Amino acid sequence: VWLARALAPGGRLVTIERDAKFAAFARRQLERAGVAERVEVREGSALALLERLEVDDGSVDLAFIDADKTGYLNYLELLLPRLSARGAILVDNVLWSGAVVDPDDDSRDTVALREFNDHVARRDDLDAVVLTIGDGVTLIRPRR
């Protein structure tokens, strides 16, 4: 809702929800907040829907990734070529309550987040900073 309210005139927000029940809930809340006309709620697999976005139009100004943690690397790779010249990607839960630095935590999501963080840190074509707010948010921008 707050992203929709902050949009410039003519701006639009696209959100993806895998579960039809949650998508319906989101639509009701967006309507209630008075921003439904600015937001398109797409249902289905985020990977499949992102793959269908045009690659060359630079249509994504801001992407916020907060989905299944094991898909973070795939989401990043699909979003990077779709970013506008001023675009950025925000990735949630990158600190995972500190579990990402716990060598004894080998749960699926923790391992995926650790691999994601390491991957981003190794990339010399990206600028990235981890913000220690909430459960950790990484801000990523391609170096241009």
N, C-alpha and C. Protein backbone atom coordinates (compact mmCIF):
# COMPACT_ATOMS: atom_id res chain seq x y z
N VAL A 1 0.83 -1.18 0.00
CA VAL A 1 0.00 0.00 0.00
C VAL A 1 0.88 1.25 0.00
N TRP A 2 1.92 1.27 0.84
CA TRP A 2 2.76 2.47 0.89
C TRP A 2 3.53 2.68 -0.39
N LEU A 3 3.92 1.60 -1.08
CA LEU A 3 4.59 1.77 -2.37
C LEU A 3 3.62 2.36 -3.40
N ALA A 4 2.40 1.88 -3.41
CA ALA A 4 1.40 2.40 -4.35
C ALA A 4 1.12 3.87 -4.08
N ARG A 5 1.05 4.24 -2.84
CA ARG A 5 0.80 5.65 -2.49
C ARG A 5 1.95 6.56 -2.91
N ALA A 6 3.15 6.02 -2.99
CA ALA A 6 4.33 6.82 -3.32
C ALA A 6 4.59 6.91 -4.82
N LEU A 7 3.83 6.21 -5.62
CA LEU A 7 4.06 6.23 -7.06
C LEU A 7 3.86 7.61 -7.65
N ALA A 8 4.69 7.92 -8.63
CA ALA A 8 4.51 9.15 -9.40
C ALA A 8 3.25 9.01 -10.24
N PRO A 9 2.67 10.13 -10.66
CA PRO A 9 1.49 10.06 -11.52
C PRO A 9 1.78 9.17 -12.75
N GLY A 10 0.87 8.27 -13.02
CA GLY A 10 1.04 7.34 -14.13
C GLY A 10 1.84 6.11 -13.79
N GLY A 11 2.42 6.07 -12.59
CA GLY A 11 3.21 4.91 -12.18
C GLY A 11 2.31 3.72 -11.89
N ARG A 12 2.90 2.55 -11.93
CA ARG A 12 2.11 1.36 -11.63
C ARG A 12 2.97 0.36 -10.87
N LEU A 13 2.30 -0.39 -10.06
CA LEU A 13 2.94 -1.39 -9.22
C LEU A 13 2.39 -2.75 -9.61
N VAL A 14 3.28 -3.69 -9.80
CA VAL A 14 2.89 -5.07 -10.09
C VAL A 14 3.38 -5.92 -8.94
N THR A 15 2.49 -6.72 -8.39
CA THR A 15 2.87 -7.62 -7.32
C THR A 15 2.47 -9.04 -7.72
N ILE A 16 3.23 -10.00 -7.25
CA ILE A 16 2.99 -11.39 -7.62
C ILE A 16 2.68 -12.18 -6.36
N GLU A 17 1.61 -12.95 -6.43
CA GLU A 17 1.21 -13.80 -5.31
C GLU A 17 0.90 -15.19 -5.86
N ARG A 18 1.52 -16.17 -5.29
CA ARG A 18 1.35 -17.55 -5.73
C ARG A 18 -0.02 -18.10 -5.33
N ASP A 19 -0.51 -17.75 -4.17
CA ASP A 19 -1.73 -18.32 -3.60
C ASP A 19 -2.94 -17.43 -3.92
N ALA A 20 -3.94 -18.00 -4.56
CA ALA A 20 -5.14 -17.23 -4.96
C ALA A 20 -5.84 -16.61 -3.76
N LYS A 21 -5.83 -17.30 -2.64
CA LYS A 21 -6.48 -16.76 -1.44
C LYS A 21 -5.78 -15.49 -0.96
N PHE A 22 -4.45 -15.49 -0.96
CA PHE A 22 -3.71 -14.31 -0.54
C PHE A 22 -3.81 -13.19 -1.59
N ALA A 23 -3.88 -13.57 -2.86
CA ALA A 23 -4.05 -12.56 -3.92
C ALA A 23 -5.38 -11.85 -3.75
N ALA A 24 -6.44 -12.59 -3.45
CA ALA A 24 -7.76 -11.98 -3.23
C ALA A 24 -7.72 -11.06 -2.01
N PHE A 25 -7.04 -11.50 -0.96
CA PHE A 25 -6.89 -10.67 0.24
C PHE A 25 -6.16 -9.37 -0.11
N ALA A 26 -5.08 -9.48 -0.86
CA ALA A 26 -4.32 -8.29 -1.26
C ALA A 26 -5.19 -7.33 -2.06
N ARG A 27 -5.96 -7.86 -2.98
CA ARG A 27 -6.83 -6.98 -3.78
C ARG A 27 -7.83 -6.24 -2.90
N ARG A 28 -8.41 -6.94 -1.94
CA ARG A 28 -9.37 -6.29 -1.02
C ARG A 28 -8.70 -5.18 -0.22
N GLN A 29 -7.50 -5.44 0.26
CA GLN A 29 -6.79 -4.44 1.06
C GLN A 29 -6.39 -3.24 0.21
N LEU A 30 -5.98 -3.48 -1.02
CA LEU A 30 -5.62 -2.39 -1.92
C LEU A 30 -6.84 -1.54 -2.25
N GLU A 31 -7.97 -2.19 -2.44
CA GLU A 31 -9.22 -1.46 -2.68
C GLU A 31 -9.57 -0.62 -1.45
N ARG A 32 -9.49 -1.23 -0.31
CA ARG A 32 -9.81 -0.54 0.95
C ARG A 32 -8.91 0.68 1.17
N ALA A 33 -7.65 0.57 0.75
CA ALA A 33 -6.70 1.67 0.91
C ALA A 33 -6.83 2.72 -0.19
N GLY A 34 -7.65 2.45 -1.18
CA GLY A 34 -7.86 3.42 -2.25
C GLY A 34 -6.77 3.47 -3.30
N VAL A 35 -5.99 2.40 -3.43
CA VAL A 35 -4.89 2.39 -4.40
C VAL A 35 -5.01 1.26 -5.42
N ALA A 36 -6.13 0.58 -5.44
CA ALA A 36 -6.29 -0.60 -6.30
C ALA A 36 -6.07 -0.28 -7.78
N GLU A 37 -6.42 0.93 -8.22
CA GLU A 37 -6.26 1.28 -9.63
C GLU A 37 -4.79 1.41 -10.04
N ARG A 38 -3.90 1.52 -9.07
CA ARG A 38 -2.47 1.65 -9.36
C ARG A 38 -1.72 0.33 -9.28
N VAL A 39 -2.38 -0.71 -8.78
CA VAL A 39 -1.69 -1.97 -8.49
C VAL A 39 -2.33 -3.12 -9.25
N GLU A 40 -1.48 -3.89 -9.90
CA GLU A 40 -1.92 -5.12 -10.55
C GLU A 40 -1.40 -6.30 -9.74
N VAL A 41 -2.30 -7.12 -9.26
CA VAL A 41 -1.92 -8.33 -8.51
C VAL A 41 -1.98 -9.49 -9.49
N ARG A 42 -0.82 -10.05 -9.78
CA ARG A 42 -0.74 -11.21 -10.68
C ARG A 42 -0.64 -12.47 -9.84
N GLU A 43 -1.33 -13.49 -10.27
CA GLU A 43 -1.32 -14.77 -9.55
C GLU A 43 -0.48 -15.79 -10.31
N GLY A 44 0.30 -16.56 -9.55
CA GLY A 44 1.06 -17.64 -10.15
C GLY A 44 2.48 -17.67 -9.64
N SER A 45 3.29 -18.45 -10.32
CA SER A 45 4.69 -18.61 -9.98
C SER A 45 5.46 -17.34 -10.34
N ALA A 46 6.18 -16.79 -9.38
CA ALA A 46 6.96 -15.58 -9.63
C ALA A 46 8.00 -15.83 -10.72
N LEU A 47 8.63 -16.98 -10.69
CA LEU A 47 9.64 -17.27 -11.71
C LEU A 47 9.01 -17.26 -13.10
N ALA A 48 7.89 -17.93 -13.25
CA ALA A 48 7.23 -17.99 -14.56
C ALA A 48 6.77 -16.61 -15.01
N LEU A 49 6.20 -15.84 -14.10
CA LEU A 49 5.72 -14.51 -14.46
C LEU A 49 6.87 -13.56 -14.78
N LEU A 50 7.95 -13.65 -14.03
CA LEU A 50 9.11 -12.79 -14.31
C LEU A 50 9.76 -13.14 -15.64
N GLU A 51 9.78 -14.42 -15.97
CA GLU A 51 10.35 -14.84 -17.25
C GLU A 51 9.59 -14.23 -18.42
N ARG A 52 8.30 -13.96 -18.24
CA ARG A 52 7.48 -13.40 -19.32
C ARG A 52 7.61 -11.89 -19.46
N LEU A 53 8.21 -11.22 -18.50
CA LEU A 53 8.40 -9.77 -18.62
C LEU A 53 9.37 -9.49 -19.76
N GLU A 54 9.09 -8.45 -20.52
CA GLU A 54 10.00 -8.05 -21.59
C GLU A 54 11.37 -7.74 -21.00
N VAL A 55 12.41 -8.21 -21.65
CA VAL A 55 13.76 -8.03 -21.13
C VAL A 55 14.33 -6.67 -21.47
N ASP A 56 14.07 -6.16 -22.64
CA ASP A 56 14.78 -4.98 -23.12
C ASP A 56 14.09 -3.66 -22.83
N ASP A 57 12.96 -3.67 -22.16
CA ASP A 57 12.25 -2.40 -22.02
C ASP A 57 12.62 -1.62 -20.76
N GLY A 58 13.46 -2.18 -19.89
CA GLY A 58 13.88 -1.47 -18.68
C GLY A 58 12.71 -0.97 -17.88
N SER A 59 11.71 -1.81 -17.75
CA SER A 59 10.45 -1.37 -17.16
C SER A 59 10.42 -1.45 -15.64
N VAL A 60 11.40 -2.04 -15.03
CA VAL A 60 11.37 -2.20 -13.58
C VAL A 60 12.25 -1.14 -12.93
N ASP A 61 11.61 -0.26 -12.17
CA ASP A 61 12.36 0.75 -11.43
C ASP A 61 12.77 0.26 -10.05
N LEU A 62 11.90 -0.53 -9.44
CA LEU A 62 12.17 -1.06 -8.11
C LEU A 62 11.55 -2.44 -8.00
N ALA A 63 12.36 -3.38 -7.56
CA ALA A 63 11.86 -4.73 -7.31
C ALA A 63 12.10 -5.04 -5.84
N PHE A 64 11.14 -5.67 -5.22
CA PHE A 64 11.26 -6.08 -3.82
C PHE A 64 11.07 -7.58 -3.78
N ILE A 65 12.12 -8.29 -3.40
CA ILE A 65 12.09 -9.75 -3.35
C ILE A 65 11.87 -10.17 -1.91
N ASP A 66 10.79 -10.88 -1.69
CA ASP A 66 10.47 -11.43 -0.38
C ASP A 66 9.59 -12.65 -0.61
N ALA A 67 10.16 -13.63 -1.26
CA ALA A 67 9.40 -14.83 -1.64
C ALA A 67 10.11 -16.04 -1.08
N ASP A 68 9.94 -17.16 -1.77
CA ASP A 68 10.63 -18.36 -1.29
C ASP A 68 12.13 -18.12 -1.39
N LYS A 69 12.80 -18.35 -0.30
CA LYS A 69 14.21 -18.01 -0.16
C LYS A 69 15.09 -18.79 -1.14
N THR A 70 14.70 -20.00 -1.46
CA THR A 70 15.49 -20.82 -2.38
C THR A 70 15.45 -20.28 -3.81
N GLY A 71 14.54 -19.37 -4.10
CA GLY A 71 14.44 -18.79 -5.44
C GLY A 71 15.11 -17.45 -5.58
N TYR A 72 15.69 -16.91 -4.51
CA TYR A 72 16.26 -15.56 -4.56
C TYR A 72 17.27 -15.37 -5.69
N LEU A 73 18.17 -16.32 -5.88
CA LEU A 73 19.17 -16.18 -6.95
C LEU A 73 18.49 -16.11 -8.32
N ASN A 74 17.50 -16.94 -8.53
CA ASN A 74 16.78 -16.93 -9.81
C ASN A 74 16.05 -15.60 -10.02
N TYR A 75 15.41 -15.10 -8.97
CA TYR A 75 14.71 -13.81 -9.08
C TYR A 75 15.70 -12.71 -9.43
N LEU A 76 16.83 -12.70 -8.78
CA LEU A 76 17.84 -11.69 -9.05
C LEU A 76 18.25 -11.71 -10.52
N GLU A 77 18.56 -12.88 -11.03
CA GLU A 77 19.02 -12.99 -12.41
C GLU A 77 17.94 -12.61 -13.41
N LEU A 78 16.69 -12.88 -13.09
CA LEU A 78 15.60 -12.49 -13.98
C LEU A 78 15.33 -10.99 -13.92
N LEU A 79 15.53 -10.38 -12.78
CA LEU A 79 15.22 -8.96 -12.63
C LEU A 79 16.33 -8.04 -13.14
N LEU A 80 17.57 -8.41 -12.99
CA LEU A 80 18.67 -7.52 -13.37
C LEU A 80 18.56 -7.00 -14.80
N PRO A 81 18.32 -7.84 -15.80
CA PRO A 81 18.25 -7.29 -17.16
C PRO A 81 16.97 -6.50 -17.43
N ARG A 82 16.03 -6.52 -16.52
CA ARG A 82 14.76 -5.83 -16.69
C ARG A 82 14.71 -4.48 -15.96
N LEU A 83 15.80 -4.16 -15.25
CA LEU A 83 15.84 -2.91 -14.50
C LEU A 83 16.00 -1.70 -15.42
N SER A 84 15.37 -0.62 -15.05
CA SER A 84 15.58 0.64 -15.74
C SER A 84 16.98 1.16 -15.37
N ALA A 85 17.41 2.21 -16.04
CA ALA A 85 18.74 2.78 -15.78
C ALA A 85 18.91 3.21 -14.33
N ARG A 86 17.83 3.61 -13.69
CA ARG A 86 17.91 4.04 -12.29
C ARG A 86 17.35 2.98 -11.34
N GLY A 87 17.12 1.79 -11.85
CA GLY A 87 16.46 0.74 -11.08
C GLY A 87 17.30 0.16 -9.95
N ALA A 88 16.60 -0.43 -8.99
CA ALA A 88 17.24 -1.07 -7.84
C ALA A 88 16.41 -2.27 -7.41
N ILE A 89 17.06 -3.18 -6.74
CA ILE A 89 16.39 -4.36 -6.20
C ILE A 89 16.60 -4.37 -4.69
N LEU A 90 15.52 -4.56 -3.96
CA LEU A 90 15.57 -4.74 -2.51
C LEU A 90 15.27 -6.21 -2.21
N VAL A 91 16.07 -6.80 -1.36
CA VAL A 91 15.89 -8.22 -1.03
C VAL A 91 15.73 -8.34 0.48
N ASP A 92 14.62 -8.92 0.90
CA ASP A 92 14.29 -9.00 2.33
C ASP A 92 14.84 -10.28 2.97
N ASN A 93 14.98 -10.23 4.27
CA ASN A 93 15.34 -11.37 5.13
C ASN A 93 16.75 -11.90 4.93
N VAL A 94 17.68 -11.06 4.49
CA VAL A 94 19.02 -11.54 4.19
C VAL A 94 19.86 -11.85 5.43
N LEU A 95 19.43 -11.39 6.59
CA LEU A 95 20.13 -11.74 7.83
C LEU A 95 19.51 -12.94 8.52
N TRP A 96 18.22 -13.15 8.25
CA TRP A 96 17.51 -14.36 8.70
C TRP A 96 17.71 -14.61 10.19
N SER A 97 17.49 -13.56 10.96
CA SER A 97 17.63 -13.60 12.43
C SER A 97 19.01 -14.07 12.87
N GLY A 98 20.01 -13.79 12.06
CA GLY A 98 21.38 -14.17 12.37
C GLY A 98 21.74 -15.58 11.94
N ALA A 99 20.78 -16.33 11.45
CA ALA A 99 21.04 -17.72 11.09
C ALA A 99 22.04 -17.85 9.95
N VAL A 100 22.14 -16.85 9.08
CA VAL A 100 23.05 -16.95 7.93
C VAL A 100 24.52 -17.04 8.34
N VAL A 101 24.84 -16.63 9.56
CA VAL A 101 26.23 -16.74 10.04
C VAL A 101 26.40 -17.86 11.06
N ASP A 102 25.36 -18.64 11.26
CA ASP A 102 25.42 -19.77 12.19
C ASP A 102 25.85 -21.02 11.41
N PRO A 103 27.08 -21.48 11.59
CA PRO A 103 27.56 -22.63 10.81
C PRO A 103 26.80 -23.92 11.11
N ASP A 104 26.08 -23.95 12.22
CA ASP A 104 25.31 -25.15 12.57
C ASP A 104 23.92 -25.17 11.95
N ASP A 105 23.50 -24.06 11.36
CA ASP A 105 22.18 -24.00 10.75
C ASP A 105 22.30 -24.38 9.28
N ASP A 106 21.84 -25.57 8.97
CA ASP A 106 21.88 -26.03 7.58
C ASP A 106 20.48 -26.24 7.01
N SER A 107 19.51 -25.48 7.55
CA SER A 107 18.16 -25.58 7.01
C SER A 107 18.14 -25.04 5.59
N ARG A 108 17.20 -25.50 4.82
CA ARG A 108 17.12 -25.18 3.40
C ARG A 108 17.11 -23.67 3.13
N ASP A 109 16.25 -22.94 3.82
CA ASP A 109 16.16 -21.49 3.60
C ASP A 109 17.43 -20.78 4.03
N THR A 110 18.00 -21.20 5.14
CA THR A 110 19.23 -20.55 5.63
C THR A 110 20.37 -20.77 4.64
N VAL A 111 20.53 -21.98 4.15
CA VAL A 111 21.58 -22.27 3.18
C VAL A 111 21.36 -21.45 1.91
N ALA A 112 20.11 -21.35 1.46
CA ALA A 112 19.80 -20.58 0.25
C ALA A 112 20.13 -19.10 0.45
N LEU A 113 19.78 -18.55 1.60
CA LEU A 113 20.09 -17.15 1.88
C LEU A 113 21.60 -16.92 1.99
N ARG A 114 22.29 -17.83 2.61
CA ARG A 114 23.75 -17.73 2.73
C ARG A 114 24.39 -17.74 1.34
N GLU A 115 23.93 -18.65 0.49
CA GLU A 115 24.45 -18.73 -0.88
C GLU A 115 24.12 -17.46 -1.66
N PHE A 116 22.91 -16.93 -1.47
CA PHE A 116 22.52 -15.70 -2.14
C PHE A 116 23.44 -14.56 -1.71
N ASN A 117 23.62 -14.38 -0.41
CA ASN A 117 24.48 -13.32 0.11
C ASN A 117 25.91 -13.44 -0.42
N ASP A 118 26.44 -14.66 -0.41
CA ASP A 118 27.80 -14.88 -0.91
C ASP A 118 27.89 -14.56 -2.40
N HIS A 119 26.88 -14.96 -3.15
CA HIS A 119 26.85 -14.71 -4.59
C HIS A 119 26.87 -13.21 -4.88
N VAL A 120 26.01 -12.47 -4.20
CA VAL A 120 25.94 -11.02 -4.42
C VAL A 120 27.27 -10.37 -4.03
N ALA A 121 27.86 -10.80 -2.93
CA ALA A 121 29.12 -10.21 -2.46
C ALA A 121 30.26 -10.45 -3.45
N ARG A 122 30.23 -11.55 -4.17
CA ARG A 122 31.29 -11.88 -5.12
C ARG A 122 31.15 -11.15 -6.46
N ARG A 123 30.00 -10.61 -6.74
CA ARG A 123 29.74 -10.01 -8.06
C ARG A 123 30.36 -8.63 -8.14
N ASP A 124 31.25 -8.44 -9.11
CA ASP A 124 31.86 -7.12 -9.28
C ASP A 124 31.06 -6.22 -10.21
N ASP A 125 29.94 -6.73 -10.74
CA ASP A 125 29.09 -5.90 -11.59
C ASP A 125 27.91 -5.30 -10.82
N LEU A 126 27.88 -5.53 -9.50
CA LEU A 126 26.79 -5.03 -8.67
C LEU A 126 27.34 -4.19 -7.52
N ASP A 127 26.60 -3.18 -7.16
CA ASP A 127 26.82 -2.50 -5.89
C ASP A 127 25.72 -2.99 -4.96
N ALA A 128 26.11 -3.38 -3.77
CA ALA A 128 25.12 -3.91 -2.83
C ALA A 128 25.49 -3.50 -1.41
N VAL A 129 24.46 -3.23 -0.64
CA VAL A 129 24.65 -2.90 0.77
C VAL A 129 23.55 -3.59 1.57
N VAL A 130 23.94 -4.17 2.68
CA VAL A 130 22.97 -4.79 3.57
C VAL A 130 22.56 -3.76 4.61
N LEU A 131 21.29 -3.51 4.67
CA LEU A 131 20.74 -2.61 5.67
C LEU A 131 20.27 -3.46 6.85
N THR A 132 20.73 -3.13 8.02
CA THR A 132 20.43 -3.96 9.20
C THR A 132 19.12 -3.52 9.85
N ILE A 133 18.11 -3.34 9.04
CA ILE A 133 16.77 -3.04 9.55
C ILE A 133 15.94 -4.31 9.46
N GLY A 134 15.06 -4.48 10.43
CA GLY A 134 14.24 -5.69 10.43
C GLY A 134 15.10 -6.92 10.42
N ASP A 135 14.84 -7.79 9.47
CA ASP A 135 15.57 -9.03 9.33
C ASP A 135 16.65 -8.92 8.26
N GLY A 136 17.01 -7.69 7.94
CA GLY A 136 18.05 -7.44 6.94
C GLY A 136 17.46 -7.26 5.56
N VAL A 137 17.84 -6.16 4.91
CA VAL A 137 17.41 -5.88 3.54
C VAL A 137 18.66 -5.52 2.75
N THR A 138 18.85 -6.17 1.62
CA THR A 138 19.96 -5.81 0.74
C THR A 138 19.44 -4.94 -0.39
N LEU A 139 20.13 -3.83 -0.60
CA LEU A 139 19.86 -2.93 -1.72
C LEU A 139 20.89 -3.24 -2.79
N ILE A 140 20.42 -3.57 -4.00
CA ILE A 140 21.31 -3.95 -5.09
C ILE A 140 21.05 -3.06 -6.30
N ARG A 141 22.16 -2.57 -6.86
CA ARG A 141 22.09 -1.80 -8.12
C ARG A 141 23.22 -2.27 -9.02
N PRO A 142 22.94 -2.44 -10.28
CA PRO A 142 24.03 -2.78 -11.22
C PRO A 142 24.99 -1.60 -11.33
N ARG A 143 26.27 -1.92 -11.48
CA ARG A 143 27.26 -0.88 -11.77
C ARG A 143 27.14 -0.55 -13.24
N ARG A 144 27.01 0.72 -13.53
CA ARG A 144 26.84 1.12 -14.94
C ARG A 144 27.93 2.07 -15.33
